[in-house]
């Protein structure tokens, strides 16, 4: 009832409905739901959803509003809703003016798509927010992808070529203790991954896969193939060791495919083996004895020079800060809020007394269409509601804004910003780096309280 824009409710003209009704119903209308009972086969197949995977900041809409809508339609509810954590930058929110925003395209261009996929999935645990910096991504690439995985695959293929011309054969020369332990780790990995994924613990599932790769590296240290190669009587054992490694890597690559598809394909290609279906991953020994690996192993992940990473990070950050400063200058020239220009003339108390400041409560907020910077807030000030457009989208999400008590300049002449009418100004503080924060009363104050 606090504002008029939206779809009027037919049974109560004081109420309007806006974005979340039509946004949420897209889940079912997009797959063929029909209110008259003529829903498509696709709808019948895919609804109810096994899982809604959403950002944690929109849990309220998906666990309160959406179930109410579905109950009203007598349609089944989603079986599960998971609000995933956020990815933070240096443990804080990203801000373009600070130059600390990480764009996935920049990361992918430098590190590769699969490396970025691995980092994000691995660093966003089930219960806590994740943290990202260029340095952290590089360290993870070097430790996990280059050392643990890439080095394992390269060593195994290189030794197969060096000692047996690339032919991989199981010759039955078994060390019961070592080989059975490796086999148990390999065939047991699938069940552990399934268990973690059933609980939506994606990072933990990846940890289980890399536990297999680490066990393979340990197996190399235990069996010492380079020593076996020097003893003519132990060639069968050497061949069996390399077979066990190739077989274990095949299982690991198949487990890795949903998370790092291109990397899994590259590994399988170098081993000249297909990636396996899930129902084959608890069986050991499916690699065809006598198969041949690639004679030109490809480096999956090269070790990164941390100085080069830091240089690239600083270049992008500097460019971002420069763009933010230019954008703020342009906004100031356009008469938009958020920039205090230096050198303003002195004013008298009578001039200041013309400004009316009051406490407001934000009761609704949404992003301004086609604008990267603006939020449109409905602000309750006493008994009235004002619509105020602010250039703070880089610092607050619409959901974060709702419920905040803010300080408002209420008698500012209305203006059109990005085609949207603005009837006041929210007061913000700006630090030396250009980051903005809303100014709020120190103590709880009622909406409409005068600021003097």
Protein backbone atom coordinates (compact mmCIF):
# COMPACT_ATOMS: atom_id res chain seq x y z
CA UNK A 1 0.00 0.00 0.00
CA UNK A 2 3.00 2.31 0.29
CA UNK A 3 3.24 3.13 -3.43
CA UNK A 4 1.01 3.05 -6.51
CA UNK A 5 3.12 1.61 -9.30
CA UNK A 6 2.49 -2.09 -9.96
CA UNK A 7 -0.52 -4.24 -10.81
CA UNK A 8 -3.69 -3.33 -8.86
CA UNK A 9 -5.13 -6.13 -6.73
CA UNK A 10 -8.72 -6.69 -7.89
CA UNK A 11 -10.16 -7.40 -4.42
CA UNK A 12 -8.40 -4.49 -2.66
CA UNK A 13 -7.70 -1.31 -4.65
CA UNK A 14 -5.28 -0.05 -1.99
CA UNK A 15 -2.80 -2.85 -2.80
CA UNK A 16 -0.54 -3.38 -5.80
CA UNK A 17 1.56 -6.38 -6.83
CA UNK A 18 5.03 -5.91 -8.30
CA UNK A 19 8.14 -7.76 -9.44
CA UNK A 20 8.32 -10.88 -7.25
CA UNK A 21 5.00 -12.39 -8.38
CA UNK A 22 5.75 -12.52 -12.11
CA UNK A 23 9.46 -13.17 -11.52
CA UNK A 24 8.83 -16.28 -9.42
CA UNK A 25 6.06 -17.72 -11.56
CA UNK A 26 8.53 -17.87 -14.47
CA UNK A 27 9.88 -21.03 -12.86
CA UNK A 28 6.72 -22.87 -13.88
CA UNK A 29 5.36 -20.85 -16.81
CA UNK A 30 8.72 -21.17 -18.53
CA UNK A 31 8.33 -24.95 -18.68
CA UNK A 32 4.67 -24.97 -19.74
CA UNK A 33 2.46 -24.52 -16.67
CA UNK A 34 -1.15 -23.74 -17.60
CA UNK A 35 -3.62 -22.42 -15.03
CA UNK A 36 -6.51 -24.14 -16.84
CA UNK A 37 -4.99 -27.56 -16.31
CA UNK A 38 -3.42 -28.01 -19.75
CA UNK A 39 0.21 -27.98 -18.64
CA UNK A 40 2.84 -29.43 -20.97
CA UNK A 41 4.61 -32.74 -20.61
CA UNK A 42 7.77 -30.77 -19.90
CA UNK A 43 6.11 -29.18 -16.89
CA UNK A 44 4.91 -32.54 -15.63
CA UNK A 45 8.42 -33.94 -16.00
CA UNK A 46 10.38 -31.13 -14.33
CA UNK A 47 8.04 -29.83 -11.63
CA UNK A 48 8.30 -29.90 -8.67
CA UNK A 49 11.96 -28.86 -8.79
CA UNK A 50 14.34 -31.12 -6.89
CA UNK A 51 16.30 -28.05 -5.90
CA UNK A 52 16.10 -24.26 -6.07
CA UNK A 53 19.71 -23.02 -6.00
CA UNK A 54 19.62 -19.31 -5.16
CA UNK A 55 21.67 -16.52 -3.60
CA UNK A 56 21.27 -16.30 0.16
CA UNK A 57 20.00 -12.70 -0.07
CA UNK A 58 16.74 -13.79 -1.75
CA UNK A 59 15.82 -16.66 0.55
CA UNK A 60 12.76 -14.81 1.89
CA UNK A 61 11.18 -14.56 -1.55
CA UNK A 62 11.78 -18.24 -2.35
CA UNK A 63 10.77 -19.70 1.02
CA UNK A 64 7.81 -17.47 1.95
CA UNK A 65 6.28 -15.76 -1.08
CA UNK A 66 6.87 -18.52 -3.61
CA UNK A 67 5.39 -21.36 -1.49
CA UNK A 68 2.33 -19.17 -0.83
CA UNK A 69 1.80 -18.66 -4.56
CA UNK A 70 2.17 -22.38 -5.26
CA UNK A 71 -0.18 -23.37 -2.44
CA UNK A 72 -2.77 -20.95 -3.80
CA UNK A 73 -2.48 -22.70 -7.18
CA UNK A 74 -2.59 -26.14 -5.50
CA UNK A 75 0.74 -26.98 -7.13
CA UNK A 76 3.54 -28.94 -5.40
CA UNK A 77 6.37 -27.08 -3.68
CA UNK A 78 10.07 -27.37 -4.57
CA UNK A 79 11.65 -30.25 -2.71
CA UNK A 80 14.60 -28.20 -1.47
CA UNK A 81 15.86 -24.60 -1.46
CA UNK A 82 19.54 -23.79 -0.98
CA UNK A 83 20.75 -20.20 -0.52
CA UNK A 84 24.41 -20.34 -1.49
CA UNK A 85 27.01 -18.04 0.13
CA UNK A 86 28.60 -14.96 -1.39
CA UNK A 87 32.00 -14.55 -2.98
CA UNK A 88 33.75 -11.63 -1.28
CA UNK A 89 36.84 -9.67 -2.26
CA UNK A 90 39.46 -9.51 0.50
CA UNK A 91 36.67 -10.56 2.89
CA UNK A 92 34.60 -7.49 1.97
CA UNK A 93 32.07 -6.40 -0.60
CA UNK A 94 33.37 -5.58 -4.06
CA UNK A 95 33.42 -1.92 -5.09
CA UNK A 96 34.37 -0.49 -8.46
CA UNK A 97 35.51 2.79 -6.91
CA UNK A 98 37.97 0.84 -4.73
CA UNK A 99 39.17 -1.02 -7.81
CA UNK A 100 38.60 -4.39 -6.13
CA UNK A 101 35.92 -5.86 -8.37
CA UNK A 102 36.90 -9.16 -9.98
CA UNK A 103 35.36 -9.81 -13.39
CA UNK A 104 35.10 -13.42 -14.42
CA UNK A 105 36.11 -12.63 -18.02
CA UNK A 106 39.40 -11.15 -16.81
CA UNK A 107 40.07 -14.18 -14.60
CA UNK A 108 39.18 -16.62 -17.38
CA UNK A 109 41.42 -14.83 -19.88
CA UNK A 110 44.37 -15.09 -17.51
CA UNK A 111 43.85 -18.37 -15.63
CA UNK A 112 41.54 -20.30 -17.97
CA UNK A 113 37.86 -21.12 -17.53
CA UNK A 114 38.31 -24.43 -15.71
CA UNK A 115 40.76 -22.93 -13.23
CA UNK A 116 38.21 -20.24 -12.38
CA UNK A 117 35.45 -22.85 -12.06
CA UNK A 118 37.63 -24.85 -9.69
CA UNK A 119 38.54 -21.87 -7.54
CA UNK A 120 35.00 -20.55 -7.14
CA UNK A 121 33.54 -23.98 -6.38
CA UNK A 122 36.35 -24.88 -4.01
CA UNK A 123 36.42 -21.57 -2.13
CA UNK A 124 32.67 -21.20 -1.47
CA UNK A 125 32.02 -23.72 1.30
CA UNK A 126 28.53 -24.82 2.26
CA UNK A 127 28.07 -22.56 5.28
CA UNK A 128 30.38 -19.57 4.79
CA UNK A 129 31.11 -16.86 2.27
CA UNK A 130 34.11 -17.39 0.04
CA UNK A 131 36.96 -14.98 -0.58
CA UNK A 132 38.66 -14.10 -3.87
CA UNK A 133 41.77 -12.22 -4.88
CA UNK A 134 44.05 -12.66 -7.87
CA UNK A 135 46.78 -13.87 -5.52
CA UNK A 136 44.55 -16.49 -3.91
CA UNK A 137 43.39 -17.81 -7.28
CA UNK A 138 47.01 -18.07 -8.45
CA UNK A 139 48.10 -19.86 -5.28
CA UNK A 140 45.27 -22.38 -5.68
CA UNK A 141 46.15 -22.95 -9.34
CA UNK A 142 49.80 -23.57 -8.46
CA UNK A 143 49.17 -25.85 -5.48
CA UNK A 144 46.16 -27.91 -6.59
CA UNK A 145 45.98 -27.72 -10.36
CA UNK A 146 49.62 -27.47 -11.39
CA UNK A 147 51.27 -29.48 -8.61
CA UNK A 148 48.72 -32.06 -7.47
CA UNK A 149 46.80 -32.73 -10.69
CA UNK A 150 48.88 -31.49 -13.62
CA UNK A 151 52.15 -32.91 -12.33
CA UNK A 152 50.52 -36.28 -11.62
CA UNK A 153 49.12 -36.67 -15.13
CA UNK A 154 52.31 -35.46 -16.80
CA UNK A 155 54.58 -37.72 -14.73
CA UNK A 156 52.42 -40.78 -15.31
CA UNK A 157 52.24 -40.32 -19.07
CA UNK A 158 55.93 -39.40 -19.35
CA UNK A 159 57.01 -42.52 -17.42
CA UNK A 160 54.72 -44.70 -19.53
CA UNK A 161 56.38 -43.36 -22.66
CA UNK A 162 59.89 -43.50 -21.25
CA UNK A 163 59.74 -47.05 -19.92
CA UNK A 164 57.23 -48.81 -22.22
CA UNK A 165 56.85 -46.70 -25.34
CA UNK A 166 53.47 -45.43 -24.13
CA UNK A 167 51.91 -48.89 -23.74
CA UNK A 168 50.03 -49.41 -20.46
CA UNK A 169 49.62 -53.03 -19.36
CA UNK A 170 48.58 -54.78 -16.18
CA UNK A 171 51.07 -57.64 -15.82
CA UNK A 172 49.75 -59.01 -12.55
CA UNK A 173 52.76 -58.06 -10.42
CA UNK A 174 50.80 -56.88 -7.38
CA UNK A 175 51.83 -55.48 -4.04
CA UNK A 176 48.73 -56.34 -2.02
CA UNK A 177 49.12 -53.62 0.59
CA UNK A 178 49.99 -50.69 -1.67
CA UNK A 179 47.84 -51.59 -4.67
CA UNK A 180 44.72 -52.46 -2.69
CA UNK A 181 44.92 -49.25 -0.73
CA UNK A 182 45.14 -47.19 -3.93
CA UNK A 183 42.29 -49.18 -5.47
CA UNK A 184 40.12 -48.68 -2.38
CA UNK A 185 40.71 -44.93 -2.53
CA UNK A 186 39.87 -44.83 -6.24
CA UNK A 187 36.64 -46.86 -6.12
CA UNK A 188 35.57 -45.28 -2.84
CA UNK A 189 35.81 -41.71 -4.13
CA UNK A 190 32.52 -41.83 -6.04
CA UNK A 191 30.45 -42.67 -2.95
CA UNK A 192 32.10 -39.87 -0.97
CA UNK A 193 31.44 -37.34 -3.74
CA UNK A 194 27.80 -38.41 -4.00
CA UNK A 195 27.39 -38.07 -0.24
CA UNK A 196 28.82 -34.55 -0.23
CA UNK A 197 26.78 -33.44 -3.26
CA UNK A 198 23.59 -34.78 -1.69
CA UNK A 199 24.20 -32.27 1.12
CA UNK A 200 25.13 -29.54 -1.44
CA UNK A 201 28.69 -29.45 -0.10
CA UNK A 202 30.31 -28.84 -3.47
CA UNK A 203 33.65 -27.69 -2.07
CA UNK A 204 33.89 -30.86 0.02
CA UNK A 205 33.06 -32.99 -3.02
CA UNK A 206 35.98 -31.45 -4.90
CA UNK A 207 38.21 -32.09 -1.90
CA UNK A 208 37.32 -35.80 -2.09
CA UNK A 209 38.27 -35.93 -5.79
CA UNK A 210 41.61 -34.26 -5.14
CA UNK A 211 42.20 -36.66 -2.25
CA UNK A 212 42.33 -39.38 -4.92
CA UNK A 213 44.88 -37.42 -6.97
CA UNK A 214 46.98 -36.85 -3.84
CA UNK A 215 46.82 -40.58 -3.08
CA UNK A 216 48.13 -41.26 -6.60
CA UNK A 217 51.08 -38.94 -5.99
CA UNK A 218 51.78 -40.72 -2.73
CA UNK A 219 51.61 -44.05 -4.57
CA UNK A 220 54.35 -42.84 -6.90
CA UNK A 221 56.52 -41.94 -3.91
CA UNK A 222 55.81 -45.35 -2.33
CA UNK A 223 56.51 -47.45 -5.42
CA UNK A 224 59.40 -45.36 -6.82
CA UNK A 225 59.00 -46.29 -10.52
CA UNK A 226 62.41 -44.81 -11.38
CA UNK A 227 64.06 -47.40 -9.13
CA UNK A 228 61.94 -50.24 -10.52
CA UNK A 229 63.03 -49.21 -14.04
CA UNK A 230 66.67 -49.89 -13.17
CA UNK A 231 65.95 -53.54 -12.26
CA UNK A 232 65.27 -55.87 -15.21
CA UNK A 233 63.53 -58.33 -12.90
CA UNK A 234 60.94 -55.76 -11.87
CA UNK A 235 59.60 -54.67 -15.26
CA UNK A 236 56.27 -56.43 -14.68
CA UNK A 237 55.89 -54.63 -11.38
CA UNK A 238 56.75 -51.28 -13.01
CA UNK A 239 54.18 -51.87 -15.73
CA UNK A 240 51.51 -52.77 -13.16
CA UNK A 241 52.29 -49.66 -11.11
CA UNK A 242 51.84 -47.42 -14.15
CA UNK A 243 48.63 -49.24 -15.07
CA UNK A 244 47.24 -48.63 -11.57
CA UNK A 245 48.09 -44.94 -11.88
CA UNK A 246 46.44 -44.57 -15.30
CA UNK A 247 43.34 -46.42 -14.08
CA UNK A 248 43.07 -44.26 -10.97
CA UNK A 249 43.53 -41.06 -12.99
CA UNK A 250 40.76 -42.20 -15.36
CA UNK A 251 38.39 -42.55 -12.42
CA UNK A 252 39.45 -39.18 -11.00
CA UNK A 253 39.06 -37.40 -14.34
CA UNK A 254 35.56 -38.84 -14.75
CA UNK A 255 34.61 -37.60 -11.28
CA UNK A 256 36.07 -34.20 -12.16
CA UNK A 257 34.11 -33.75 -15.39
CA UNK A 258 31.02 -31.98 -13.93
CA UNK A 259 33.26 -29.41 -12.26
CA UNK A 260 36.06 -28.99 -14.82
CA UNK A 261 34.75 -30.44 -18.11
CA UNK A 262 37.54 -29.26 -20.46
CA UNK A 263 40.26 -30.45 -18.10
CA UNK A 264 38.61 -33.86 -17.73
CA UNK A 265 38.39 -34.16 -21.52
CA UNK A 266 42.08 -33.25 -21.91
CA UNK A 267 43.12 -35.88 -19.37
CA UNK A 268 41.00 -38.57 -21.01
CA UNK A 269 42.38 -37.59 -24.41
CA UNK A 270 45.98 -37.92 -23.25
CA UNK A 271 45.21 -41.32 -21.75
CA UNK A 272 43.34 -42.36 -24.92
CA UNK A 273 40.40 -43.46 -22.78
CA UNK A 274 36.76 -42.36 -22.62
CA UNK A 275 35.39 -40.58 -19.59
CA UNK A 276 33.26 -43.04 -17.65
CA UNK A 277 29.62 -43.03 -16.66
CA UNK A 278 28.88 -42.71 -12.97
CA UNK A 279 27.81 -46.35 -12.64
CA UNK A 280 31.31 -47.41 -13.74
CA UNK A 281 33.23 -45.41 -11.16
CA UNK A 282 33.15 -48.03 -8.41
CA UNK A 283 34.91 -50.59 -10.60
CA UNK A 284 38.70 -50.81 -10.86
CA UNK A 285 40.50 -52.20 -13.90
CA UNK A 286 38.34 -50.95 -16.80
CA UNK A 287 41.28 -49.34 -18.63
CA UNK A 288 42.11 -51.72 -21.47
CA UNK A 289 45.43 -53.44 -20.74
CA UNK A 290 47.74 -52.78 -23.68
CA UNK A 291 46.28 -49.36 -24.38
CA UNK A 292 48.57 -46.56 -25.37
CA UNK A 293 48.82 -43.07 -23.87
CA UNK A 294 49.70 -39.95 -25.84
CA UNK A 295 53.32 -39.66 -26.88
CA UNK A 296 53.12 -35.88 -26.46
CA UNK A 297 51.72 -35.12 -23.01
CA UNK A 298 50.28 -31.63 -22.67
CA UNK A 299 50.85 -29.48 -19.61
CA UNK A 300 47.40 -29.08 -18.06
CA UNK A 301 48.25 -26.16 -15.79
CA UNK A 302 51.56 -24.33 -15.88
CA UNK A 303 52.90 -22.85 -12.66
CA UNK A 304 52.19 -19.15 -12.47
CA UNK A 305 54.70 -16.40 -11.74
CA UNK A 306 53.22 -14.53 -8.76
CA UNK A 307 54.90 -11.29 -9.88
CA UNK A 308 53.10 -11.50 -13.23
CA UNK A 309 49.81 -12.18 -11.43
CA UNK A 310 50.30 -9.16 -9.17
CA UNK A 311 51.18 -6.98 -12.18
CA UNK A 312 48.02 -8.00 -14.04
CA UNK A 313 45.90 -7.44 -10.94
CA UNK A 314 47.27 -3.94 -10.44
CA UNK A 315 46.76 -3.04 -14.12
CA UNK A 316 43.11 -4.01 -13.99
CA UNK A 317 42.56 -2.35 -10.60
CA UNK A 318 44.11 0.90 -11.80
CA UNK A 319 41.97 0.88 -14.93
CA UNK A 320 38.88 0.24 -12.85
CA UNK A 321 39.65 3.06 -10.41
CA UNK A 322 40.27 5.44 -13.28
CA UNK A 323 36.98 4.50 -14.92
CA UNK A 324 35.15 4.93 -11.60
CA UNK A 325 36.63 8.39 -11.06
CA UNK A 326 35.68 9.44 -14.58
CA UNK A 327 32.17 8.09 -14.12
CA UNK A 328 31.73 9.93 -10.82
CA UNK A 329 32.87 13.17 -12.44
CA UNK A 330 30.32 12.68 -15.21
CA UNK A 331 27.58 11.97 -12.70
CA UNK A 332 28.49 15.12 -10.80
CA UNK A 333 28.24 17.13 -14.01
CA UNK A 334 24.83 15.61 -14.68
CA UNK A 335 23.57 16.84 -11.30
CA UNK A 336 23.34 13.37 -9.76
CA UNK A 337 24.09 12.75 -6.11
CA UNK A 338 27.17 11.34 -4.43
CA UNK A 339 29.92 13.83 -5.43
CA UNK A 340 30.87 16.85 -3.32
CA UNK A 341 32.63 19.33 -5.59
CA UNK A 342 35.41 21.35 -3.89
CA UNK A 343 35.45 25.12 -3.68
CA UNK A 344 31.75 25.78 -3.12
CA UNK A 345 30.87 29.25 -1.94
CA UNK A 346 29.93 29.92 1.67
CA UNK A 347 26.25 30.01 2.54
CA UNK A 348 24.33 31.76 5.29
CA UNK A 349 22.28 30.08 7.98
CA UNK A 350 19.18 31.27 6.10
CA UNK A 351 20.38 29.31 3.05
CA UNK A 352 20.93 26.20 5.15
CA UNK A 353 17.55 26.61 6.86
CA UNK A 354 15.89 26.14 3.48
CA UNK A 355 17.01 22.47 3.45
CA UNK A 356 14.68 20.00 5.13
CA UNK A 357 16.28 16.79 6.43
CA UNK A 358 14.25 13.95 7.94
CA UNK A 359 14.65 10.30 8.89
CA UNK A 360 13.20 7.95 6.30
CA UNK A 361 12.58 4.20 6.21
CA UNK A 362 13.14 2.33 2.96
CA UNK A 363 10.13 0.07 2.38
CA UNK A 364 10.90 -1.09 -1.16
CA UNK A 365 13.82 -0.88 -3.56
CA UNK A 366 14.73 -2.10 -7.02
CA UNK A 367 17.43 -1.53 -9.60
CA UNK A 368 16.72 1.08 -12.25
CA UNK A 369 16.40 -0.69 -15.63
CA UNK A 370 19.31 -0.17 -18.04
CA UNK A 371 21.41 1.54 -15.35
CA UNK A 372 24.54 0.07 -13.83
CA UNK A 373 24.60 2.48 -10.89
CA UNK A 374 21.12 3.50 -9.84
CA UNK A 375 18.67 2.11 -7.30
CA UNK A 376 15.10 3.33 -6.98
CA UNK A 377 13.88 3.35 -3.35
CA UNK A 378 10.42 3.94 -1.91
CA UNK A 379 11.13 5.87 1.28
CA UNK A 380 8.52 6.31 4.00
CA UNK A 381 8.89 9.73 5.67
CA UNK A 382 6.24 10.17 8.32
CA UNK A 383 2.90 9.57 6.59
CA UNK A 384 4.17 10.11 3.04
CA UNK A 385 6.25 7.98 0.67
CA UNK A 386 8.85 9.50 -1.65
CA UNK A 387 10.54 7.82 -4.58
CA UNK A 388 14.28 8.49 -4.50
CA UNK A 389 16.87 7.43 -7.08
CA UNK A 390 20.45 6.99 -5.81
CA UNK A 391 23.75 6.07 -7.44
CA UNK A 392 24.66 3.41 -4.86
CA UNK A 393 24.02 0.14 -6.68
CA UNK A 394 27.73 -0.76 -6.44
CA UNK A 395 27.49 -0.72 -2.64
CA UNK A 396 24.01 -2.03 -1.81
CA UNK A 397 21.68 -4.62 -3.30
CA UNK A 398 17.95 -3.79 -3.47
CA UNK A 399 17.29 -6.45 -0.82
CA UNK A 400 19.83 -4.91 1.56
CA UNK A 401 18.17 -1.51 1.27
CA UNK A 402 14.74 -2.60 2.47
CA UNK A 403 14.20 -1.80 6.15
CA UNK A 404 17.09 0.66 6.50
CA UNK A 405 16.60 3.94 8.37
CA UNK A 406 18.28 6.69 6.36
CA UNK A 407 18.77 10.46 6.39
CA UNK A 408 16.89 12.18 3.57
CA UNK A 409 16.92 15.63 1.98
CA UNK A 410 13.16 15.78 1.39
CA UNK A 411 12.59 19.20 -0.20
CA UNK A 412 14.91 18.77 -3.17
CA UNK A 413 13.25 19.71 -6.44
CA UNK A 414 12.18 16.49 -8.27
CA UNK A 415 14.41 15.44 -11.16
CA UNK A 416 14.45 12.69 -13.80
CA UNK A 417 17.40 10.29 -13.50
CA UNK A 418 17.71 7.62 -16.20
CA UNK A 419 14.07 8.21 -17.03
CA UNK A 420 12.89 7.68 -13.44
CA UNK A 421 11.51 10.45 -11.24
CA UNK A 422 13.49 11.18 -8.06
CA UNK A 423 11.89 13.19 -5.26
CA UNK A 424 14.73 13.64 -2.80
CA UNK A 425 18.24 12.58 -1.89
CA UNK A 426 19.67 9.94 0.46
CA UNK A 427 22.65 11.26 2.41
CA UNK A 428 25.87 9.27 2.03
CA UNK A 429 29.39 9.49 3.38
CA UNK A 430 32.36 8.97 1.06
CA UNK A 431 35.80 7.77 2.09
CA UNK A 432 39.15 8.65 0.56
CA UNK A 433 38.85 5.77 -1.90
CA UNK A 434 35.45 6.90 -3.13
CA UNK A 435 33.42 4.19 -1.40
CA UNK A 436 29.94 5.28 -0.33
CA UNK A 437 27.94 4.42 2.78
CA UNK A 438 24.45 5.54 3.74
CA UNK A 439 24.24 7.93 6.67
CA UNK A 440 21.88 6.62 9.36
CA UNK A 441 20.76 7.88 12.80
CA UNK A 442 23.02 6.73 15.64
CA UNK A 443 20.02 5.73 17.77
CA UNK A 444 16.61 4.32 16.68
CA UNK A 445 14.47 7.19 15.43
CA UNK A 446 10.94 7.10 14.01
CA UNK A 447 10.32 7.67 10.34
CA UNK A 448 9.78 11.37 9.73
CA UNK A 449 11.93 12.59 12.65
CA UNK A 450 13.49 15.96 11.83
CA UNK A 451 17.24 16.21 11.41
CA UNK A 452 18.40 19.59 12.64
